Amino acid sequence: MEETLKFVSNADANKRVKELIDKGYAYRCLGCNKVYKVKRQEPYEDGHGGRFIDMCGSCGCDLFQPLQETTCLELKISPINGVLIFKEHHAKYCKCDVGEIWTGDAETECHTEFKLLEDGGDKKTYKCVKSGLKIIILKSTEEELHKPDELGSKFLRIPW
C-alpha cells in the first residue's frame, strides 16, 4: 500500500534560495520568512544584567533557519476514492478541503476527531468526523520515527 502524499521539489524556490545565498543572505525567519544576512538581536532583560536574543524585526519570532538548510519541497496530497494513506511519521501532513492537522501554526489546524474503524496491528483505519474521509495509518519503521522527514521535521502528531 502506497502513501497518498508526495514530496515534489520546487525548482523556482530552490533557484530563489540559491540567489539569496549568493547575495550574502544566510538566515530566514520561521515566522514570516524574512531573510537576513545576520540574525537581528534585541536586548532582553532577564533580571541578571540582561542579554541579547535573536529576534525578527518584522514579526518578533525568535526562530531562524539557515538558508543552506531550507527545504524547497511541496506536499501533494490526493485522496484516492475518498481514502488518505499515511505512514505514522507523515500523518501530521493530513490535508483535505476542510483543514490541516499540522502546519506548525495552531490557528490553521483543524483539530478534528477520528473514529477507529479497524485496527490491524501495523495498519489502522479511521474515519475523519469533519471530512468523512477514510484515513489509513501504516506503521513507520523505527528509523522513520526518529530521523527528520523530507521537510526536516521530527515532530510526530498522531491525534488518535
N, C-alpha and C. Protein backbone atom coordinates (compact mmCIF):
# COMPACT_ATOMS: atom_id res chain seq x y z
N MET A 1 0.85 -1.17 0.00
CA MET A 1 0.00 0.00 0.00
C MET A 1 0.90 1.24 0.00
N GLU A 2 0.60 2.20 -0.86
CA GLU A 2 1.42 3.38 -1.01
C GLU A 2 0.75 4.61 -0.42
N GLU A 3 1.56 5.51 0.14
CA GLU A 3 1.02 6.74 0.73
C GLU A 3 0.39 7.63 -0.34
N THR A 4 -0.57 8.44 0.08
CA THR A 4 -1.23 9.35 -0.85
C THR A 4 -0.61 10.74 -0.82
N LEU A 5 0.61 10.85 -0.29
CA LEU A 5 1.30 12.12 -0.33
C LEU A 5 2.62 11.95 -1.07
N LYS A 6 3.01 13.01 -1.75
CA LYS A 6 4.27 13.03 -2.48
C LYS A 6 4.98 14.34 -2.12
N PHE A 7 6.30 14.27 -2.03
CA PHE A 7 7.12 15.45 -1.82
C PHE A 7 7.74 15.80 -3.17
N VAL A 8 7.40 16.99 -3.69
CA VAL A 8 7.83 17.40 -5.02
C VAL A 8 8.75 18.61 -4.89
N SER A 9 9.89 18.54 -5.53
CA SER A 9 10.86 19.63 -5.48
C SER A 9 10.31 20.84 -6.23
N ASN A 10 10.48 22.02 -5.63
CA ASN A 10 10.04 23.27 -6.25
C ASN A 10 11.28 23.95 -6.82
N ALA A 11 11.48 23.83 -8.13
CA ALA A 11 12.68 24.34 -8.80
C ALA A 11 12.80 25.86 -8.66
N ASP A 12 11.68 26.58 -8.77
CA ASP A 12 11.73 28.05 -8.65
C ASP A 12 12.18 28.48 -7.26
N ALA A 13 11.66 27.83 -6.23
CA ALA A 13 12.04 28.16 -4.85
C ALA A 13 13.51 27.83 -4.61
N ASN A 14 13.98 26.70 -5.12
CA ASN A 14 15.40 26.34 -4.99
C ASN A 14 16.28 27.41 -5.63
N LYS A 15 15.87 27.89 -6.80
CA LYS A 15 16.64 28.91 -7.51
C LYS A 15 16.67 30.22 -6.71
N ARG A 16 15.50 30.62 -6.13
CA ARG A 16 15.45 31.86 -5.34
C ARG A 16 16.32 31.76 -4.08
N VAL A 17 16.32 30.60 -3.43
CA VAL A 17 17.15 30.41 -2.23
C VAL A 17 18.62 30.51 -2.60
N LYS A 18 19.01 29.90 -3.71
CA LYS A 18 20.41 29.96 -4.16
C LYS A 18 20.81 31.40 -4.46
N GLU A 19 19.91 32.16 -5.10
CA GLU A 19 20.20 33.57 -5.40
C GLU A 19 20.39 34.37 -4.11
N LEU A 20 19.55 34.12 -3.09
CA LEU A 20 19.67 34.82 -1.82
C LEU A 20 21.00 34.49 -1.14
N ILE A 21 21.40 33.23 -1.18
CA ILE A 21 22.68 32.82 -0.59
C ILE A 21 23.82 33.51 -1.32
N ASP A 22 23.73 33.58 -2.65
CA ASP A 22 24.77 34.25 -3.44
C ASP A 22 24.87 35.74 -3.12
N LYS A 23 23.76 36.35 -2.70
CA LYS A 23 23.75 37.78 -2.34
C LYS A 23 24.21 38.00 -0.89
N GLY A 24 24.51 36.92 -0.18
CA GLY A 24 25.04 37.04 1.18
C GLY A 24 24.03 36.81 2.29
N TYR A 25 22.80 36.48 1.95
CA TYR A 25 21.81 36.20 2.98
C TYR A 25 22.08 34.82 3.55
N ALA A 26 21.88 34.66 4.86
CA ALA A 26 22.24 33.40 5.50
C ALA A 26 21.10 32.76 6.31
N TYR A 27 20.10 33.55 6.73
CA TYR A 27 19.05 33.03 7.60
C TYR A 27 17.68 33.49 7.13
N ARG A 28 16.66 32.69 7.49
CA ARG A 28 15.28 33.11 7.27
C ARG A 28 14.51 32.94 8.57
N CYS A 29 13.60 33.86 8.80
CA CYS A 29 12.74 33.79 9.97
C CYS A 29 11.70 32.71 9.72
N LEU A 30 11.49 31.84 10.69
CA LEU A 30 10.50 30.77 10.53
C LEU A 30 9.07 31.27 10.73
N GLY A 31 8.92 32.49 11.26
CA GLY A 31 7.60 33.05 11.46
C GLY A 31 7.04 33.71 10.21
N CYS A 32 7.86 34.55 9.56
CA CYS A 32 7.36 35.32 8.41
C CYS A 32 8.19 35.14 7.14
N ASN A 33 9.26 34.37 7.20
CA ASN A 33 10.15 34.08 6.06
C ASN A 33 11.03 35.25 5.63
N LYS A 34 11.12 36.30 6.42
CA LYS A 34 12.03 37.40 6.08
C LYS A 34 13.46 36.87 6.15
N VAL A 35 14.30 37.29 5.20
CA VAL A 35 15.67 36.79 5.17
C VAL A 35 16.64 37.83 5.74
N TYR A 36 17.71 37.33 6.35
CA TYR A 36 18.72 38.17 6.99
C TYR A 36 20.11 37.69 6.61
N LYS A 37 21.03 38.65 6.52
CA LYS A 37 22.43 38.31 6.34
C LYS A 37 23.02 37.91 7.70
N VAL A 38 22.59 38.64 8.74
CA VAL A 38 22.99 38.37 10.12
C VAL A 38 21.71 38.40 10.94
N LYS A 39 21.58 37.49 11.88
CA LYS A 39 20.37 37.48 12.73
C LYS A 39 20.30 38.77 13.53
N ARG A 40 19.13 39.40 13.50
CA ARG A 40 18.89 40.63 14.26
C ARG A 40 18.78 40.28 15.74
N GLN A 41 19.38 41.09 16.59
CA GLN A 41 19.33 40.82 18.03
C GLN A 41 18.68 41.99 18.77
N GLU A 42 17.93 41.65 19.79
CA GLU A 42 17.24 42.61 20.63
C GLU A 42 17.72 42.44 22.07
N PRO A 43 17.86 43.55 22.82
CA PRO A 43 18.22 43.40 24.24
C PRO A 43 17.04 42.78 25.00
N TYR A 44 17.36 41.92 25.94
CA TYR A 44 16.35 41.25 26.74
C TYR A 44 16.79 41.29 28.20
N GLU A 45 15.96 41.89 29.04
CA GLU A 45 16.30 41.99 30.46
C GLU A 45 15.78 40.75 31.18
N ASP A 46 16.70 39.97 31.69
CA ASP A 46 16.33 38.72 32.36
C ASP A 46 16.53 38.79 33.88
N GLY A 47 16.80 39.98 34.41
CA GLY A 47 16.98 40.14 35.85
C GLY A 47 18.41 39.88 36.30
N HIS A 48 19.27 39.54 35.39
CA HIS A 48 20.68 39.25 35.72
C HIS A 48 21.61 40.08 34.86
N GLY A 49 21.23 41.30 34.61
CA GLY A 49 22.08 42.18 33.81
C GLY A 49 21.71 42.21 32.34
N GLY A 50 20.78 41.36 31.94
CA GLY A 50 20.30 41.36 30.56
C GLY A 50 21.17 40.57 29.62
N ARG A 51 20.64 40.36 28.45
CA ARG A 51 21.35 39.65 27.39
C ARG A 51 20.69 40.00 26.07
N PHE A 52 21.23 39.51 24.99
CA PHE A 52 20.64 39.73 23.67
C PHE A 52 20.06 38.41 23.16
N ILE A 53 18.90 38.52 22.51
CA ILE A 53 18.30 37.33 21.90
C ILE A 53 18.03 37.62 20.42
N ASP A 54 18.10 36.57 19.61
CA ASP A 54 17.76 36.69 18.20
C ASP A 54 16.28 37.00 18.08
N MET A 55 15.93 37.99 17.24
CA MET A 55 14.52 38.32 17.08
C MET A 55 14.29 38.96 15.72
N CYS A 56 13.28 38.49 15.01
CA CYS A 56 12.91 39.05 13.72
C CYS A 56 12.36 40.46 13.92
N GLY A 57 12.80 41.36 13.08
CA GLY A 57 12.33 42.74 13.16
C GLY A 57 10.92 42.92 12.63
N SER A 58 10.44 41.97 11.85
CA SER A 58 9.10 42.09 11.28
C SER A 58 8.02 41.49 12.15
N CYS A 59 8.25 40.26 12.63
CA CYS A 59 7.18 39.56 13.35
C CYS A 59 7.50 39.25 14.81
N GLY A 60 8.75 39.46 15.23
CA GLY A 60 9.11 39.20 16.62
C GLY A 60 9.45 37.75 16.93
N CYS A 61 9.44 36.90 15.93
CA CYS A 61 9.77 35.48 16.12
C CYS A 61 11.25 35.35 16.46
N ASP A 62 11.59 34.36 17.30
CA ASP A 62 12.98 34.15 17.66
C ASP A 62 13.55 32.87 17.05
N LEU A 63 12.85 32.32 16.07
CA LEU A 63 13.29 31.08 15.42
C LEU A 63 13.78 31.37 14.00
N PHE A 64 15.01 30.96 13.73
CA PHE A 64 15.61 31.18 12.42
C PHE A 64 16.14 29.87 11.87
N GLN A 65 16.21 29.79 10.55
CA GLN A 65 16.76 28.61 9.89
C GLN A 65 17.84 29.08 8.92
N PRO A 66 18.99 28.41 8.92
CA PRO A 66 19.99 28.75 7.90
C PRO A 66 19.43 28.48 6.51
N LEU A 67 19.67 29.39 5.57
CA LEU A 67 19.15 29.20 4.21
C LEU A 67 19.71 27.93 3.57
N GLN A 68 20.92 27.54 3.96
CA GLN A 68 21.52 26.30 3.43
C GLN A 68 20.66 25.08 3.76
N GLU A 69 19.91 25.14 4.87
CA GLU A 69 19.09 24.00 5.31
C GLU A 69 17.64 24.10 4.85
N THR A 70 17.31 25.16 4.10
CA THR A 70 15.94 25.36 3.67
C THR A 70 15.56 24.29 2.66
N THR A 71 14.44 23.63 2.91
CA THR A 71 13.94 22.58 2.04
C THR A 71 12.88 23.17 1.12
N CYS A 72 13.08 23.05 -0.16
CA CYS A 72 12.14 23.60 -1.13
C CYS A 72 11.30 22.48 -1.73
N LEU A 73 10.55 21.83 -0.87
CA LEU A 73 9.66 20.76 -1.31
C LEU A 73 8.22 21.19 -1.09
N GLU A 74 7.35 20.74 -1.96
CA GLU A 74 5.92 20.98 -1.81
C GLU A 74 5.25 19.64 -1.56
N LEU A 75 4.22 19.68 -0.75
CA LEU A 75 3.44 18.48 -0.48
C LEU A 75 2.28 18.38 -1.46
N LYS A 76 2.12 17.24 -2.05
CA LYS A 76 0.96 16.96 -2.90
C LYS A 76 0.21 15.82 -2.23
N ILE A 77 -1.01 16.12 -1.76
CA ILE A 77 -1.81 15.11 -1.07
C ILE A 77 -3.11 14.93 -1.83
N SER A 78 -3.37 13.71 -2.27
CA SER A 78 -4.57 13.44 -3.06
C SER A 78 -5.26 12.20 -2.54
N PRO A 79 -6.49 12.36 -2.05
CA PRO A 79 -7.25 11.17 -1.64
C PRO A 79 -7.54 10.29 -2.86
N ILE A 80 -7.48 9.00 -2.66
CA ILE A 80 -7.83 8.06 -3.72
C ILE A 80 -9.13 7.37 -3.30
N ASN A 81 -10.18 7.64 -4.05
CA ASN A 81 -11.52 7.11 -3.74
C ASN A 81 -11.93 7.41 -2.30
N GLY A 82 -11.67 8.64 -1.85
CA GLY A 82 -12.07 9.05 -0.50
C GLY A 82 -11.21 8.50 0.61
N VAL A 83 -9.99 8.03 0.27
CA VAL A 83 -9.09 7.45 1.27
C VAL A 83 -7.74 8.17 1.24
N LEU A 84 -7.25 8.55 2.42
CA LEU A 84 -5.91 9.09 2.58
C LEU A 84 -5.06 8.03 3.25
N ILE A 85 -3.84 7.84 2.77
CA ILE A 85 -2.95 6.82 3.34
C ILE A 85 -1.65 7.50 3.76
N PHE A 86 -1.27 7.34 5.03
CA PHE A 86 -0.04 7.91 5.57
C PHE A 86 0.71 6.86 6.38
N LYS A 87 2.02 7.04 6.46
CA LYS A 87 2.79 6.32 7.47
C LYS A 87 2.72 7.18 8.72
N GLU A 88 2.99 6.62 9.89
CA GLU A 88 2.85 7.34 11.16
C GLU A 88 3.59 8.67 11.17
N HIS A 89 4.83 8.68 10.66
CA HIS A 89 5.64 9.89 10.72
C HIS A 89 5.19 10.95 9.73
N HIS A 90 4.32 10.61 8.78
CA HIS A 90 3.78 11.58 7.83
C HIS A 90 2.34 11.97 8.14
N ALA A 91 1.72 11.38 9.14
CA ALA A 91 0.30 11.64 9.43
C ALA A 91 0.05 13.10 9.78
N LYS A 92 1.07 13.80 10.25
CA LYS A 92 0.93 15.22 10.59
C LYS A 92 0.59 16.08 9.38
N TYR A 93 0.83 15.59 8.18
CA TYR A 93 0.60 16.37 6.97
C TYR A 93 -0.79 16.15 6.37
N CYS A 94 -1.67 15.52 7.11
CA CYS A 94 -3.04 15.26 6.64
C CYS A 94 -3.68 16.57 6.19
N LYS A 95 -4.21 16.58 4.97
CA LYS A 95 -4.88 17.75 4.42
C LYS A 95 -6.09 17.30 3.63
N CYS A 96 -7.13 18.09 3.74
CA CYS A 96 -8.30 17.86 2.90
C CYS A 96 -8.93 19.22 2.65
N ASP A 97 -10.10 19.24 2.06
CA ASP A 97 -10.77 20.52 1.80
C ASP A 97 -11.22 21.21 3.08
N VAL A 98 -11.33 20.46 4.18
CA VAL A 98 -11.84 21.00 5.44
C VAL A 98 -10.74 21.64 6.27
N GLY A 99 -9.54 21.05 6.32
CA GLY A 99 -8.48 21.61 7.15
C GLY A 99 -7.20 20.82 7.09
N GLU A 100 -6.27 21.22 7.95
CA GLU A 100 -4.97 20.57 8.04
C GLU A 100 -4.73 20.18 9.49
N ILE A 101 -4.13 19.01 9.72
CA ILE A 101 -3.84 18.60 11.09
C ILE A 101 -2.67 19.39 11.64
N TRP A 102 -1.57 19.52 10.89
CA TRP A 102 -0.39 20.18 11.43
C TRP A 102 0.23 21.09 10.40
N THR A 103 0.40 22.34 10.76
CA THR A 103 1.09 23.29 9.90
C THR A 103 2.19 24.00 10.68
N GLY A 104 2.28 23.74 11.97
CA GLY A 104 3.20 24.48 12.82
C GLY A 104 2.53 25.72 13.38
N ASP A 105 1.30 25.98 12.95
CA ASP A 105 0.55 27.15 13.40
C ASP A 105 -0.81 26.67 13.92
N ALA A 106 -1.01 26.75 15.23
CA ALA A 106 -2.23 26.21 15.84
C ALA A 106 -3.51 26.85 15.28
N GLU A 107 -3.42 28.08 14.76
CA GLU A 107 -4.61 28.74 14.24
C GLU A 107 -5.15 28.10 12.97
N THR A 108 -4.31 27.36 12.25
CA THR A 108 -4.76 26.77 10.98
C THR A 108 -5.07 25.28 11.09
N GLU A 109 -4.86 24.70 12.26
CA GLU A 109 -5.09 23.27 12.41
C GLU A 109 -6.57 22.99 12.62
N CYS A 110 -7.05 21.87 12.10
CA CYS A 110 -8.48 21.61 12.16
C CYS A 110 -8.94 20.91 13.44
N HIS A 111 -8.04 20.28 14.18
CA HIS A 111 -8.36 19.64 15.47
C HIS A 111 -9.59 18.72 15.38
N THR A 112 -9.66 17.94 14.34
CA THR A 112 -10.81 17.06 14.16
C THR A 112 -10.69 15.82 15.02
N GLU A 113 -11.75 15.08 15.12
CA GLU A 113 -11.74 13.80 15.82
C GLU A 113 -11.84 12.69 14.79
N PHE A 114 -11.36 11.52 15.18
CA PHE A 114 -11.35 10.38 14.29
C PHE A 114 -12.03 9.19 14.96
N LYS A 115 -12.75 8.45 14.15
CA LYS A 115 -13.42 7.25 14.64
C LYS A 115 -12.65 6.04 14.13
N LEU A 116 -12.20 5.19 15.06
CA LEU A 116 -11.46 3.99 14.69
C LEU A 116 -12.41 3.01 14.02
N LEU A 117 -12.07 2.63 12.79
CA LEU A 117 -12.88 1.66 12.05
C LEU A 117 -12.29 0.26 12.13
N GLU A 118 -10.94 0.19 12.11
CA GLU A 118 -10.28 -1.11 12.09
C GLU A 118 -8.86 -0.98 12.62
N ASP A 119 -8.44 -1.92 13.47
CA ASP A 119 -7.08 -1.95 13.99
C ASP A 119 -6.44 -3.26 13.55
N GLY A 120 -5.58 -3.14 12.54
CA GLY A 120 -4.94 -4.34 12.00
C GLY A 120 -3.51 -4.49 12.46
N GLY A 121 -3.14 -3.95 13.61
CA GLY A 121 -1.77 -4.06 14.12
C GLY A 121 -0.84 -3.06 13.46
N ASP A 122 -0.34 -3.37 12.26
CA ASP A 122 0.57 -2.45 11.58
C ASP A 122 -0.19 -1.51 10.63
N LYS A 123 -1.52 -1.58 10.68
CA LYS A 123 -2.35 -0.70 9.85
C LYS A 123 -3.63 -0.38 10.61
N LYS A 124 -3.90 0.91 10.80
CA LYS A 124 -5.13 1.32 11.47
C LYS A 124 -5.95 2.16 10.51
N THR A 125 -7.25 1.96 10.52
CA THR A 125 -8.15 2.70 9.63
C THR A 125 -9.10 3.54 10.47
N TYR A 126 -9.18 4.81 10.12
CA TYR A 126 -10.02 5.77 10.83
C TYR A 126 -10.96 6.45 9.85
N LYS A 127 -11.98 7.08 10.40
CA LYS A 127 -12.85 7.94 9.61
C LYS A 127 -12.77 9.33 10.23
N CYS A 128 -12.47 10.33 9.41
CA CYS A 128 -12.41 11.72 9.87
C CYS A 128 -13.85 12.21 10.04
N VAL A 129 -14.15 12.71 11.24
CA VAL A 129 -15.50 13.16 11.55
C VAL A 129 -15.87 14.41 10.74
N LYS A 130 -14.89 15.29 10.46
CA LYS A 130 -15.17 16.52 9.72
C LYS A 130 -15.34 16.29 8.22
N SER A 131 -14.39 15.60 7.61
CA SER A 131 -14.40 15.47 6.15
C SER A 131 -15.12 14.23 5.66
N GLY A 132 -15.23 13.22 6.53
CA GLY A 132 -15.83 11.96 6.10
C GLY A 132 -14.85 11.05 5.37
N LEU A 133 -13.61 11.52 5.20
CA LEU A 133 -12.60 10.70 4.52
C LEU A 133 -12.15 9.55 5.41
N LYS A 134 -11.80 8.47 4.77
CA LYS A 134 -11.19 7.34 5.46
C LYS A 134 -9.69 7.60 5.48
N ILE A 135 -9.05 7.39 6.63
CA ILE A 135 -7.61 7.61 6.76
C ILE A 135 -6.96 6.33 7.24
N ILE A 136 -6.01 5.84 6.46
CA ILE A 136 -5.28 4.62 6.81
C ILE A 136 -3.89 5.04 7.26
N ILE A 137 -3.50 4.60 8.46
CA ILE A 137 -2.18 4.90 9.01
C ILE A 137 -1.37 3.61 9.04
N LEU A 138 -0.27 3.61 8.29
CA LEU A 138 0.62 2.45 8.23
C LEU A 138 1.74 2.63 9.25
N LYS A 139 2.24 1.56 9.79
CA LYS A 139 3.33 1.59 10.77
C LYS A 139 4.60 2.11 10.11
N SER A 140 5.26 3.06 10.78
CA SER A 140 6.56 3.57 10.33
C SER A 140 7.66 2.72 10.94
N THR A 141 8.81 2.69 10.28
CA THR A 141 9.96 1.98 10.84
C THR A 141 10.53 2.82 11.98
N GLU A 142 11.34 2.22 12.84
CA GLU A 142 11.97 2.94 13.94
C GLU A 142 12.82 4.10 13.41
N GLU A 143 13.53 3.86 12.31
CA GLU A 143 14.37 4.91 11.72
C GLU A 143 13.50 6.09 11.25
N GLU A 144 12.39 5.82 10.59
CA GLU A 144 11.49 6.88 10.12
C GLU A 144 10.93 7.68 11.28
N LEU A 145 10.66 7.01 12.39
CA LEU A 145 10.09 7.70 13.55
C LEU A 145 11.09 8.61 14.26
N HIS A 146 12.39 8.34 14.13
CA HIS A 146 13.38 9.07 14.90
C HIS A 146 14.28 10.00 14.09
N LYS A 147 14.22 9.96 12.78
CA LYS A 147 15.04 10.89 11.99
C LYS A 147 14.12 11.94 11.37
N PRO A 148 14.67 13.11 11.00
CA PRO A 148 13.83 14.13 10.36
C PRO A 148 13.25 13.61 9.04
N ASP A 149 12.03 14.02 8.75
CA ASP A 149 11.40 13.60 7.49
C ASP A 149 11.89 14.46 6.33
N GLU A 150 11.26 14.35 5.20
CA GLU A 150 11.68 15.05 3.98
C GLU A 150 11.67 16.56 4.14
N LEU A 151 10.82 17.09 5.01
CA LEU A 151 10.78 18.54 5.25
C LEU A 151 11.60 18.95 6.46
N GLY A 152 12.35 18.01 7.04
CA GLY A 152 13.23 18.32 8.16
C GLY A 152 12.57 18.28 9.53
N SER A 153 11.37 17.75 9.62
CA SER A 153 10.63 17.73 10.89
C SER A 153 10.74 16.37 11.57
N LYS A 154 10.98 16.40 12.87
CA LYS A 154 10.95 15.18 13.68
C LYS A 154 9.63 15.08 14.44
N PHE A 155 8.80 16.12 14.30
CA PHE A 155 7.56 16.20 15.05
C PHE A 155 6.61 15.07 14.66
N LEU A 156 6.09 14.37 15.66
CA LEU A 156 5.09 13.33 15.43
C LEU A 156 3.78 13.80 16.02
N ARG A 157 2.73 13.67 15.27
CA ARG A 157 1.43 14.02 15.81
C ARG A 157 0.40 13.07 15.25
N ILE A 158 0.09 12.11 16.05
CA ILE A 158 -0.96 11.18 15.67
C ILE A 158 -2.10 11.47 16.64
N PRO A 159 -3.09 12.25 16.18
CA PRO A 159 -4.10 12.74 17.10
C PRO A 159 -5.10 11.69 17.58
N TRP A 160 -4.93 10.50 17.19
CA TRP A 160 -5.90 9.49 17.59
C TRP A 160 -5.29 8.52 18.52
